[in-house]
Every structure is written in structure tokens, then in C-alpha cells.
Amino acid sequence: MIRKYKVLFLVLFITLLMSLQFVDAKIKDKKTLTNRIITIDPGHGGRDSGTSYQKIYEKDLNLEISKVLKKFLEDKGATVYMIREDDSDLSSRWDSAKKRGDLYRRILKIQENKSDLYLSIHINYHYSTNVKGAEVLYHPINDKNLILAEAIMREFSNDLGSKRKVVKTNLYLYSNTRVPGVLIECGFISNPDERYLLQKESYQEKLAEAITKGVLNYFLEIERE
């Protein structure tokens, strides 16, 4: 009889342990960006190539990185919109200032999407080929912008070894968008090593993972506040 109870107890213990492991697995797999709306803005496009090196154009790298980032964010449960998904800009034939028209329509799309935040993806350039590193720029139009910038910059520092710091910007798009968001410079096309990495899917995935972790930490921080 005692042996029978021992066996029954053992079966119940194993069943309980398996149930806890299943629950724990579900918690770990929880979509932590569910119900969040994020707009990704791949900088430049169309007639505007952005910066370049020989036949490597910023606009193309921006779009490639943005597509990878979209998948990473969606895998965490976010609803993700892209400002552009091909080589195009948002200017109109009636715009007297094409660049300003393009940027204005990007702002409208961010607002129309009812975004919780936006991420503007760019590539940097410097006259010195030694300068490198991903960095994040923000405008103080929204108090949350600095929180988001610092959250992403921490991941660039931890995961990519970037030595750069968060920078304030007064560029048109960022100083006229009240939705929380930042300008992300993913690296320097002028630096030979970084230029090579930025074209590699594996490095684009590292960038996307770091940005996604930063976004997750940003939402945790503002929820605590």
C-alpha cells in the first residue's frame, strides 16, 4: 500500500513539474509588444539616395535593415507599418520643394497609423574613415524621445560595442513629429569595416535585435512611470 502511494505521489509530482515547465515556456514566449503600433521610416528613397559610397546607396541599406527590423518587431507581437517598402519617396509632382514634401508626408503617415512610436532608419557618413558606430538622435518635442533614444543606445553599446552617445537633433521630421520616435543612424558608410558589415544580413539582424530590445525596454520603462 505504501509503495502504491509512493508511485502515485511520484506521478503527481512529475505531472505538476511538467505543467509548471509548460506555463513557464508560455510566459517566456509571451508576445511582449502585443497591441503596440510601430511605424518604421526607411530614410530617403526614389530620387533621394541619401549618402553613398561608389554604388552603395544609403536608401537601399535603410530599406534592407527596415525590412529585417519589421520582422523582429512583428515576432514580438507588434503591428508594424512601413513608410516605404520599395525604392520610392513620398514627394508629389506639385511640390515646389520635393524634400520638404517627402518629409511632410512621412509625418502624416506616422500620425495616420496611430503609432505608439516611430523608428527612422538611416546610415551615417563622416569625412574621416576612422569614425564608426551606431548612434541614436532625438528631438525634445516629446519627453519620451530621450527615454527611447537612451534605451536603444544602451543596446547598441552592449550588443554592438558602439562608443557613440545619444545626440539631440533639430532636423525637420523629428522637430515636427509629436509621436514618440527617434532617428537611428545604423553605422557609417564611410568606414570600410562598417560599410562591409552593413551590407551583411547577419549584421542587419544584429542591428534589428538590438533596436527591438531597446524598444521593449522603452515600453517597460514608461509603463513603470
C-alpha atoms as a PDB file:
ATOM      1  CA  MET A   1       0.000   0.000   0.000  1.00  0.00           C
ATOM      2  CA  ILE A   2       2.816   2.400   0.945  1.00  0.00           C
ATOM      3  CA  ARG A   3       4.563   1.618  -2.327  1.00  0.00           C
ATOM      4  CA  LYS A   4       1.346   2.349  -4.220  1.00  0.00           C
ATOM      5  CA  TYR A   5       1.084   5.794  -2.626  1.00  0.00           C
ATOM      6  CA  LYS A   6       4.733   6.489  -3.396  1.00  0.00           C
ATOM      7  CA  VAL A   7       4.166   5.711  -7.068  1.00  0.00           C
ATOM      8  CA  LEU A   8       1.012   7.875  -7.119  1.00  0.00           C
ATOM      9  CA  PHE A   9       2.878  10.736  -5.433  1.00  0.00           C
ATOM     10  CA  LEU A  10       5.708  10.424  -7.951  1.00  0.00           C
ATOM     11  CA  VAL A  11       3.260  10.535 -10.883  1.00  0.00           C
ATOM     12  CA  LEU A  12       1.539  13.608  -9.465  1.00  0.00           C
ATOM     13  CA  PHE A  13       4.893  15.316  -8.838  1.00  0.00           C
ATOM     14  CA  ILE A  14       6.073  14.688 -12.414  1.00  0.00           C
ATOM     15  CA  THR A  15       2.730  15.910 -13.787  1.00  0.00           C
ATOM     16  CA  LEU A  16       2.934  19.106 -11.704  1.00  0.00           C
ATOM     17  CA  LEU A  17       6.554  19.699 -12.767  1.00  0.00           C
ATOM     18  CA  MET A  18       5.659  19.302 -16.457  1.00  0.00           C
ATOM     19  CA  SER A  19       2.731  21.712 -16.032  1.00  0.00           C
ATOM     20  CA  LEU A  20       4.983  24.347 -14.454  1.00  0.00           C
ATOM     21  CA  GLN A  21       7.511  23.954 -17.252  1.00  0.00           C
ATOM     22  CA  PHE A  22       4.717  24.380 -19.817  1.00  0.00           C
ATOM     23  CA  VAL A  23       3.445  27.538 -18.086  1.00  0.00           C
ATOM     24  CA  ASP A  24       6.995  28.886 -17.809  1.00  0.00           C
ATOM     25  CA  ALA A  25       7.563  28.240 -21.514  1.00  0.00           C
ATOM     26  CA  LYS A  26       4.356  30.118 -22.331  1.00  0.00           C
ATOM     27  CA  ILE A  27       5.469  33.073 -20.215  1.00  0.00           C
ATOM     28  CA  LYS A  28       8.866  33.186 -21.920  1.00  0.00           C
ATOM     29  CA  ASP A  29       7.169  33.012 -25.308  1.00  0.00           C
ATOM     30  CA  LYS A  30       4.777  35.844 -24.457  1.00  0.00           C
ATOM     31  CA  LYS A  31       4.459  38.479 -27.216  1.00  0.00           C
ATOM     32  CA  THR A  32       5.679  41.492 -25.293  1.00  0.00           C
ATOM     33  CA  LEU A  33       4.810  44.083 -27.980  1.00  0.00           C
ATOM     34  CA  THR A  34       1.225  42.932 -28.495  1.00  0.00           C
ATOM     35  CA  ASN A  35      -1.150  45.865 -29.161  1.00  0.00           C
ATOM     36  CA  ARG A  36       1.786  48.195 -29.894  1.00  0.00           C
ATOM     37  CA  ILE A  37       1.782  50.060 -33.199  1.00  0.00           C
ATOM     38  CA  ILE A  38       5.199  50.931 -34.599  1.00  0.00           C
ATOM     39  CA  THR A  39       5.972  52.792 -37.820  1.00  0.00           C
ATOM     40  CA  ILE A  40       9.353  52.229 -39.452  1.00  0.00           C
ATOM     41  CA  ASP A  41      10.633  55.027 -41.667  1.00  0.00           C
ATOM     42  CA  PRO A  42      13.375  53.798 -44.049  1.00  0.00           C
ATOM     43  CA  GLY A  43      15.107  57.098 -44.807  1.00  0.00           C
ATOM     44  CA  HIS A  44      15.361  58.573 -48.324  1.00  0.00           C
ATOM     45  CA  GLY A  45      14.255  56.617 -51.424  1.00  0.00           C
ATOM     46  CA  GLY A  46      13.473  57.315 -55.063  1.00  0.00           C
ATOM     47  CA  ARG A  47      15.280  60.381 -56.370  1.00  0.00           C
ATOM     48  CA  ASP A  48      16.859  60.871 -52.940  1.00  0.00           C
ATOM     49  CA  SER A  49      19.633  58.293 -52.485  1.00  0.00           C
ATOM     50  CA  GLY A  50      20.920  59.706 -49.190  1.00  0.00           C
ATOM     51  CA  THR A  51      24.622  59.267 -48.614  1.00  0.00           C
ATOM     52  CA  SER A  52      26.607  56.772 -50.684  1.00  0.00           C
ATOM     53  CA  TYR A  53      29.928  55.089 -51.382  1.00  0.00           C
ATOM     54  CA  GLN A  54      30.545  54.251 -55.040  1.00  0.00           C
ATOM     55  CA  LYS A  55      27.409  52.249 -55.970  1.00  0.00           C
ATOM     56  CA  ILE A  56      26.347  51.528 -52.403  1.00  0.00           C
ATOM     57  CA  TYR A  57      23.405  53.794 -51.567  1.00  0.00           C
ATOM     58  CA  GLU A  58      22.066  54.652 -48.156  1.00  0.00           C
ATOM     59  CA  LYS A  59      18.450  54.411 -49.333  1.00  0.00           C
ATOM     60  CA  ASP A  60      18.931  50.720 -50.197  1.00  0.00           C
ATOM     61  CA  LEU A  61      20.626  49.821 -46.911  1.00  0.00           C
ATOM     62  CA  ASN A  62      17.934  51.693 -44.976  1.00  0.00           C
ATOM     63  CA  LEU A  63      15.228  49.630 -46.656  1.00  0.00           C
ATOM     64  CA  GLU A  64      17.039  46.312 -46.146  1.00  0.00           C
ATOM     65  CA  ILE A  65      17.590  46.974 -42.441  1.00  0.00           C
ATOM     66  CA  SER A  66      13.999  48.205 -42.018  1.00  0.00           C
ATOM     67  CA  LYS A  67      12.570  45.010 -43.515  1.00  0.00           C
ATOM     68  CA  VAL A  68      14.618  42.888 -41.113  1.00  0.00           C
ATOM     69  CA  LEU A  69      13.587  45.125 -38.201  1.00  0.00           C
ATOM     70  CA  LYS A  70       9.922  44.806 -39.184  1.00  0.00           C
ATOM     71  CA  LYS A  71      10.136  41.020 -38.846  1.00  0.00           C
ATOM     72  CA  PHE A  72      11.855  41.212 -35.446  1.00  0.00           C
ATOM     73  CA  LEU A  73       9.214  43.600 -34.083  1.00  0.00           C
ATOM     74  CA  GLU A  74       6.340  41.544 -35.512  1.00  0.00           C
ATOM     75  CA  ASP A  75       7.805  38.407 -33.950  1.00  0.00           C
ATOM     76  CA  LYS A  76       7.360  40.190 -30.610  1.00  0.00           C
ATOM     77  CA  GLY A  77       3.707  40.881 -31.396  1.00  0.00           C
ATOM     78  CA  ALA A  78       3.839  44.475 -32.664  1.00  0.00           C
ATOM     79  CA  THR A  79       1.743  45.825 -35.525  1.00  0.00           C
ATOM     80  CA  VAL A  80       4.331  47.351 -37.856  1.00  0.00           C
ATOM     81  CA  TYR A  81       3.833  49.808 -40.714  1.00  0.00           C
ATOM     82  CA  MET A  82       6.497  50.803 -43.221  1.00  0.00           C
ATOM     83  CA  ILE A  83       6.636  54.330 -44.656  1.00  0.00           C
ATOM     84  CA  ARG A  84       8.002  52.807 -47.860  1.00  0.00           C
ATOM     85  CA  GLU A  85       8.576  49.217 -48.978  1.00  0.00           C
ATOM     86  CA  ASP A  86      10.322  49.939 -52.269  1.00  0.00           C
ATOM     87  CA  ASP A  87      12.664  52.469 -53.861  1.00  0.00           C
ATOM     88  CA  SER A  88      10.326  55.449 -53.757  1.00  0.00           C
ATOM     89  CA  ASP A  89       9.853  58.763 -51.982  1.00  0.00           C
ATOM     90  CA  LEU A  90       6.671  60.468 -50.838  1.00  0.00           C
ATOM     91  CA  SER A  91       7.013  63.764 -52.676  1.00  0.00           C
ATOM     92  CA  SER A  92       4.319  64.968 -55.069  1.00  0.00           C
ATOM     93  CA  ARG A  93       4.792  66.289 -58.587  1.00  0.00           C
ATOM     94  CA  TRP A  94       3.179  69.507 -57.302  1.00  0.00           C
ATOM     95  CA  ASP A  95       5.723  70.058 -54.518  1.00  0.00           C
ATOM     96  CA  SER A  96       7.915  73.078 -55.117  1.00  0.00           C
ATOM     97  CA  ALA A  97      10.321  71.694 -52.504  1.00  0.00           C
ATOM     98  CA  LYS A  98      10.496  67.924 -53.106  1.00  0.00           C
ATOM     99  CA  LYS A  99      12.438  67.013 -49.976  1.00  0.00           C
ATOM    100  CA  ARG A 100      10.181  69.021 -47.665  1.00  0.00           C
ATOM    101  CA  GLY A 101       7.096  67.492 -49.307  1.00  0.00           C
ATOM    102  CA  ASP A 102       8.520  63.996 -48.819  1.00  0.00           C
ATOM    103  CA  LEU A 103       9.254  64.606 -45.138  1.00  0.00           C
ATOM    104  CA  TYR A 104       5.865  66.227 -44.503  1.00  0.00           C
ATOM    105  CA  ARG A 105       4.056  63.159 -45.867  1.00  0.00           C
ATOM    106  CA  ARG A 106       6.172  60.873 -43.716  1.00  0.00           C
ATOM    107  CA  ILE A 107       4.983  62.793 -40.661  1.00  0.00           C
ATOM    108  CA  LEU A 108       1.364  62.440 -41.833  1.00  0.00           C
ATOM    109  CA  LYS A 109       1.751  58.674 -42.262  1.00  0.00           C
ATOM    110  CA  ILE A 110       3.215  58.269 -38.779  1.00  0.00           C
ATOM    111  CA  GLN A 111       0.176  60.113 -37.392  1.00  0.00           C
ATOM    112  CA  GLU A 112      -2.344  58.288 -39.603  1.00  0.00           C
ATOM    113  CA  ASN A 113      -1.026  54.930 -38.404  1.00  0.00           C
ATOM    114  CA  LYS A 114      -1.869  55.959 -34.806  1.00  0.00           C
ATOM    115  CA  SER A 115       1.683  54.919 -33.954  1.00  0.00           C
ATOM    116  CA  ASP A 116       2.863  54.321 -30.394  1.00  0.00           C
ATOM    117  CA  LEU A 117       6.292  55.217 -31.735  1.00  0.00           C
ATOM    118  CA  TYR A 118       8.270  55.550 -34.954  1.00  0.00           C
ATOM    119  CA  LEU A 119      11.803  54.484 -35.859  1.00  0.00           C
ATOM    120  CA  SER A 120      13.564  56.387 -38.619  1.00  0.00           C
ATOM    121  CA  ILE A 121      16.357  54.263 -40.116  1.00  0.00           C
ATOM    122  CA  HIS A 122      19.432  55.923 -41.653  1.00  0.00           C
ATOM    123  CA  ILE A 123      23.128  55.407 -42.398  1.00  0.00           C
ATOM    124  CA  ASN A 124      25.770  57.949 -41.403  1.00  0.00           C
ATOM    125  CA  TYR A 125      28.777  59.471 -43.196  1.00  0.00           C
ATOM    126  CA  HIS A 126      31.928  61.225 -41.960  1.00  0.00           C
ATOM    127  CA  TYR A 127      34.877  62.736 -43.806  1.00  0.00           C
ATOM    128  CA  SER A 128      37.172  60.617 -41.593  1.00  0.00           C
ATOM    129  CA  THR A 129      37.075  56.931 -42.479  1.00  0.00           C
ATOM    130  CA  ASN A 130      38.011  56.059 -38.884  1.00  0.00           C
ATOM    131  CA  VAL A 131      34.711  57.246 -37.412  1.00  0.00           C
ATOM    132  CA  LYS A 132      32.259  54.403 -36.799  1.00  0.00           C
ATOM    133  CA  GLY A 133      29.428  53.194 -34.594  1.00  0.00           C
ATOM    134  CA  ALA A 134      25.638  53.143 -34.478  1.00  0.00           C
ATOM    135  CA  GLU A 135      24.003  56.065 -32.683  1.00  0.00           C
ATOM    136  CA  VAL A 136      20.562  57.477 -31.871  1.00  0.00           C
ATOM    137  CA  LEU A 137      19.342  61.060 -32.300  1.00  0.00           C
ATOM    138  CA  TYR A 138      16.236  62.602 -30.730  1.00  0.00           C
ATOM    139  CA  HIS A 139      14.299  65.867 -30.545  1.00  0.00           C
ATOM    140  CA  PRO A 140      12.855  67.046 -27.180  1.00  0.00           C
ATOM    141  CA  ILE A 141       9.443  67.814 -28.724  1.00  0.00           C
ATOM    142  CA  ASN A 142       8.268  64.749 -26.763  1.00  0.00           C
ATOM    143  CA  ASP A 143       9.685  63.848 -23.325  1.00  0.00           C
ATOM    144  CA  LYS A 144       9.604  60.152 -24.242  1.00  0.00           C
ATOM    145  CA  ASN A 145      12.011  60.617 -27.147  1.00  0.00           C
ATOM    146  CA  LEU A 146      15.070  60.750 -24.906  1.00  0.00           C
ATOM    147  CA  ILE A 147      13.912  57.669 -22.995  1.00  0.00           C
ATOM    148  CA  LEU A 148      13.571  55.756 -26.276  1.00  0.00           C
ATOM    149  CA  ALA A 149      16.899  57.036 -27.597  1.00  0.00           C
ATOM    150  CA  GLU A 150      18.767  56.013 -24.452  1.00  0.00           C
ATOM    151  CA  ALA A 151      17.095  52.591 -24.356  1.00  0.00           C
ATOM    152  CA  ILE A 152      18.198  51.792 -27.921  1.00  0.00           C
ATOM    153  CA  MET A 153      21.660  53.333 -27.443  1.00  0.00           C
ATOM    154  CA  ARG A 154      22.289  51.064 -24.443  1.00  0.00           C
ATOM    155  CA  GLU A 155      21.705  48.036 -26.654  1.00  0.00           C
ATOM    156  CA  PHE A 156      23.983  49.421 -29.375  1.00  0.00           C
ATOM    157  CA  SER A 157      26.649  49.790 -26.713  1.00  0.00           C
ATOM    158  CA  ASN A 158      26.093  46.350 -25.167  1.00  0.00           C
ATOM    159  CA  ASP A 159      25.469  44.291 -28.306  1.00  0.00           C
ATOM    160  CA  LEU A 160      27.435  46.132 -30.996  1.00  0.00           C
ATOM    161  CA  GLY A 161      30.169  47.761 -28.957  1.00  0.00           C
ATOM    162  CA  SER A 162      29.288  51.261 -30.160  1.00  0.00           C
ATOM    163  CA  LYS A 163      31.142  54.010 -28.318  1.00  0.00           C
ATOM    164  CA  ARG A 164      28.855  56.760 -29.546  1.00  0.00           C
ATOM    165  CA  LYS A 165      26.328  58.709 -27.450  1.00  0.00           C
ATOM    166  CA  VAL A 166      22.749  59.902 -27.802  1.00  0.00           C
ATOM    167  CA  VAL A 167      22.611  63.167 -29.771  1.00  0.00           C
ATOM    168  CA  LYS A 168      19.993  65.923 -29.953  1.00  0.00           C
ATOM    169  CA  THR A 169      18.771  66.886 -33.450  1.00  0.00           C
ATOM    170  CA  ASN A 170      16.724  69.746 -34.895  1.00  0.00           C
ATOM    171  CA  LEU A 171      16.049  68.169 -38.292  1.00  0.00           C
ATOM    172  CA  TYR A 172      12.607  68.892 -39.770  1.00  0.00           C
ATOM    173  CA  LEU A 173      10.928  65.488 -39.430  1.00  0.00           C
ATOM    174  CA  TYR A 174      11.916  64.975 -35.799  1.00  0.00           C
ATOM    175  CA  SER A 175      11.167  68.514 -34.655  1.00  0.00           C
ATOM    176  CA  ASN A 176       7.666  68.347 -36.167  1.00  0.00           C
ATOM    177  CA  THR A 177       6.533  64.880 -35.084  1.00  0.00           C
ATOM    178  CA  ARG A 178       4.833  64.735 -31.673  1.00  0.00           C
ATOM    179  CA  VAL A 179       4.522  60.940 -31.764  1.00  0.00           C
ATOM    180  CA  PRO A 180       7.448  59.453 -29.773  1.00  0.00           C
ATOM    181  CA  GLY A 181      10.296  58.443 -32.056  1.00  0.00           C
ATOM    182  CA  VAL A 182      13.966  58.667 -32.907  1.00  0.00           C
ATOM    183  CA  LEU A 183      16.447  58.867 -35.750  1.00  0.00           C
ATOM    184  CA  ILE A 184      18.654  55.767 -35.791  1.00  0.00           C
ATOM    185  CA  GLU A 185      21.994  56.014 -37.589  1.00  0.00           C
ATOM    186  CA  CYS A 186      22.935  52.348 -38.028  1.00  0.00           C
ATOM    187  CA  GLY A 187      26.599  52.990 -38.814  1.00  0.00           C
ATOM    188  CA  PHE A 188      28.977  54.869 -41.100  1.00  0.00           C
ATOM    189  CA  ILE A 189      29.088  54.025 -44.794  1.00  0.00           C
ATOM    190  CA  SER A 190      32.365  55.972 -44.896  1.00  0.00           C
ATOM    191  CA  ASN A 191      34.069  53.447 -42.590  1.00  0.00           C
ATOM    192  CA  PRO A 192      35.348  50.422 -44.591  1.00  0.00           C
ATOM    193  CA  ASP A 193      34.691  47.816 -41.890  1.00  0.00           C
ATOM    194  CA  GLU A 194      31.237  49.113 -41.035  1.00  0.00           C
ATOM    195  CA  ARG A 195      30.333  49.537 -44.705  1.00  0.00           C
ATOM    196  CA  TYR A 196      31.098  45.845 -45.201  1.00  0.00           C
ATOM    197  CA  LEU A 197      29.030  44.813 -42.169  1.00  0.00           C
ATOM    198  CA  LEU A 198      26.027  46.983 -43.043  1.00  0.00           C
ATOM    199  CA  GLN A 199      25.584  45.027 -46.274  1.00  0.00           C
ATOM    200  CA  LYS A 200      25.532  41.673 -44.461  1.00  0.00           C
ATOM    201  CA  GLU A 201      22.190  40.164 -43.449  1.00  0.00           C
ATOM    202  CA  SER A 202      23.711  38.731 -40.262  1.00  0.00           C
ATOM    203  CA  TYR A 203      24.763  42.207 -39.110  1.00  0.00           C
ATOM    204  CA  GLN A 204      21.430  43.708 -40.155  1.00  0.00           C
ATOM    205  CA  GLU A 205      19.829  41.112 -37.886  1.00  0.00           C
ATOM    206  CA  LYS A 206      22.125  42.144 -35.012  1.00  0.00           C
ATOM    207  CA  LEU A 207      21.053  45.752 -35.531  1.00  0.00           C
ATOM    208  CA  ALA A 208      17.384  44.772 -35.640  1.00  0.00           C
ATOM    209  CA  GLU A 209      17.713  42.669 -32.497  1.00  0.00           C
ATOM    210  CA  ALA A 210      19.403  45.500 -30.599  1.00  0.00           C
ATOM    211  CA  ILE A 211      16.742  48.013 -31.681  1.00  0.00           C
ATOM    212  CA  THR A 212      13.944  45.607 -30.744  1.00  0.00           C
ATOM    213  CA  LYS A 213      15.439  45.055 -27.277  1.00  0.00           C
ATOM    214  CA  GLY A 214      15.692  48.810 -26.868  1.00  0.00           C
ATOM    215  CA  VAL A 215      12.045  49.245 -27.834  1.00  0.00           C
ATOM    216  CA  LEU A 216      10.986  46.536 -25.345  1.00  0.00           C
ATOM    217  CA  ASN A 217      12.946  48.219 -22.559  1.00  0.00           C
ATOM    218  CA  TYR A 218      11.470  51.606 -23.517  1.00  0.00           C
ATOM    219  CA  PHE A 219       7.904  50.342 -23.084  1.00  0.00           C
ATOM    220  CA  LEU A 220       8.795  48.691 -19.768  1.00  0.00           C
ATOM    221  CA  GLU A 221      10.282  51.970 -18.548  1.00  0.00           C
ATOM    222  CA  ILE A 222       7.345  54.177 -19.496  1.00  0.00           C
ATOM    223  CA  GLU A 223       4.910  51.647 -18.018  1.00  0.00           C
ATOM    224  CA  ARG A 224       6.776  51.810 -14.707  1.00  0.00           C
ATOM    225  CA  GLU A 225       6.473  55.601 -14.743  1.00  0.00           C
END
